Amino acid sequence: MPLFTDSKRKELLVRATEIVADEVPVIPLYFYSFSIAMPKDIVYLPRLDQFTLAYNARKAK
């Protein structure tokens, strides 16, 4: 016989996550940034996973 049902387990996990988010200080140690250079006649939407894919580039209007 399980000690907790799935719904009770989920409720407890949500509550524990809220407590940690409220009471544990977070100090960011690293900020990620990157730069992309391209000609003015090309439009490119950069990806956050750092893959540079040709199909994301298009000719500017």
Protein backbone atom coordinates (compact mmCIF):
# COMPACT_ATOMS: atom_id res chain seq x y z
CA MET A 1 0.00 0.00 0.00
CA PRO A 2 1.57 3.34 -1.05
CA LEU A 3 2.16 5.99 1.61
CA PHE A 4 1.01 8.80 -0.70
CA THR A 5 -1.24 8.99 -3.71
CA ASP A 6 0.08 10.60 -6.89
CA SER A 7 -2.00 13.73 -6.27
CA LYS A 8 -0.72 14.05 -2.68
CA ARG A 9 2.88 13.49 -3.87
CA LYS A 10 2.45 16.21 -6.49
CA GLU A 11 0.97 18.59 -3.91
CA LEU A 12 3.93 18.01 -1.57
CA LEU A 13 6.44 18.50 -4.41
CA VAL A 14 4.81 21.79 -5.42
CA ARG A 15 4.90 22.98 -1.80
CA ALA A 16 8.56 21.97 -1.36
CA THR A 17 9.47 23.79 -4.58
CA GLU A 18 7.69 26.93 -3.35
CA ILE A 19 9.57 26.80 -0.03
CA VAL A 20 12.94 26.44 -1.77
CA ALA A 21 12.14 29.25 -4.23
CA ASP A 22 11.09 31.58 -1.38
CA GLU A 23 13.75 30.78 1.20
CA VAL A 24 16.95 29.77 -0.59
CA PRO A 25 18.99 32.70 -1.90
CA VAL A 26 20.29 32.42 -5.45
CA ILE A 27 23.38 34.25 -6.62
CA PRO A 28 23.97 34.00 -10.37
CA LEU A 29 27.62 33.23 -10.98
CA TYR A 30 27.61 33.27 -14.76
CA PHE A 31 25.76 35.26 -17.41
CA TYR A 32 25.87 33.83 -20.90
CA SER A 33 25.95 36.15 -23.89
CA PHE A 34 27.11 35.90 -27.48
CA SER A 35 27.47 38.22 -30.46
CA ILE A 36 26.67 37.61 -34.10
CA ALA A 37 27.90 39.77 -36.96
CA MET A 38 26.41 39.69 -40.46
CA PRO A 39 25.84 41.92 -43.49
CA LYS A 40 22.88 44.32 -43.39
CA ASP A 41 21.13 42.48 -46.24
CA ILE A 42 20.86 39.24 -44.19
CA VAL A 43 18.37 38.72 -41.36
CA TYR A 44 19.17 35.98 -38.87
CA LEU A 45 17.36 35.00 -35.70
CA PRO A 46 20.00 33.53 -33.37
CA ARG A 47 19.33 30.34 -31.45
CA LEU A 48 19.96 29.96 -27.72
CA ASP A 49 21.57 26.54 -28.20
CA GLN A 50 24.42 28.16 -30.23
CA PHE A 51 23.71 26.21 -33.41
CA THR A 52 24.06 28.43 -36.47
CA LEU A 53 21.78 26.95 -39.10
CA ALA A 54 21.59 28.32 -42.63
CA TYR A 55 17.82 27.93 -42.86
CA ASN A 56 17.43 30.51 -40.04
CA ALA A 57 18.98 33.18 -42.28
CA ARG A 58 17.08 35.03 -44.97
CA LYS A 59 17.51 38.03 -47.25
CA ALA A 60 16.35 41.32 -45.71
CA LYS A 61 13.36 43.07 -47.27
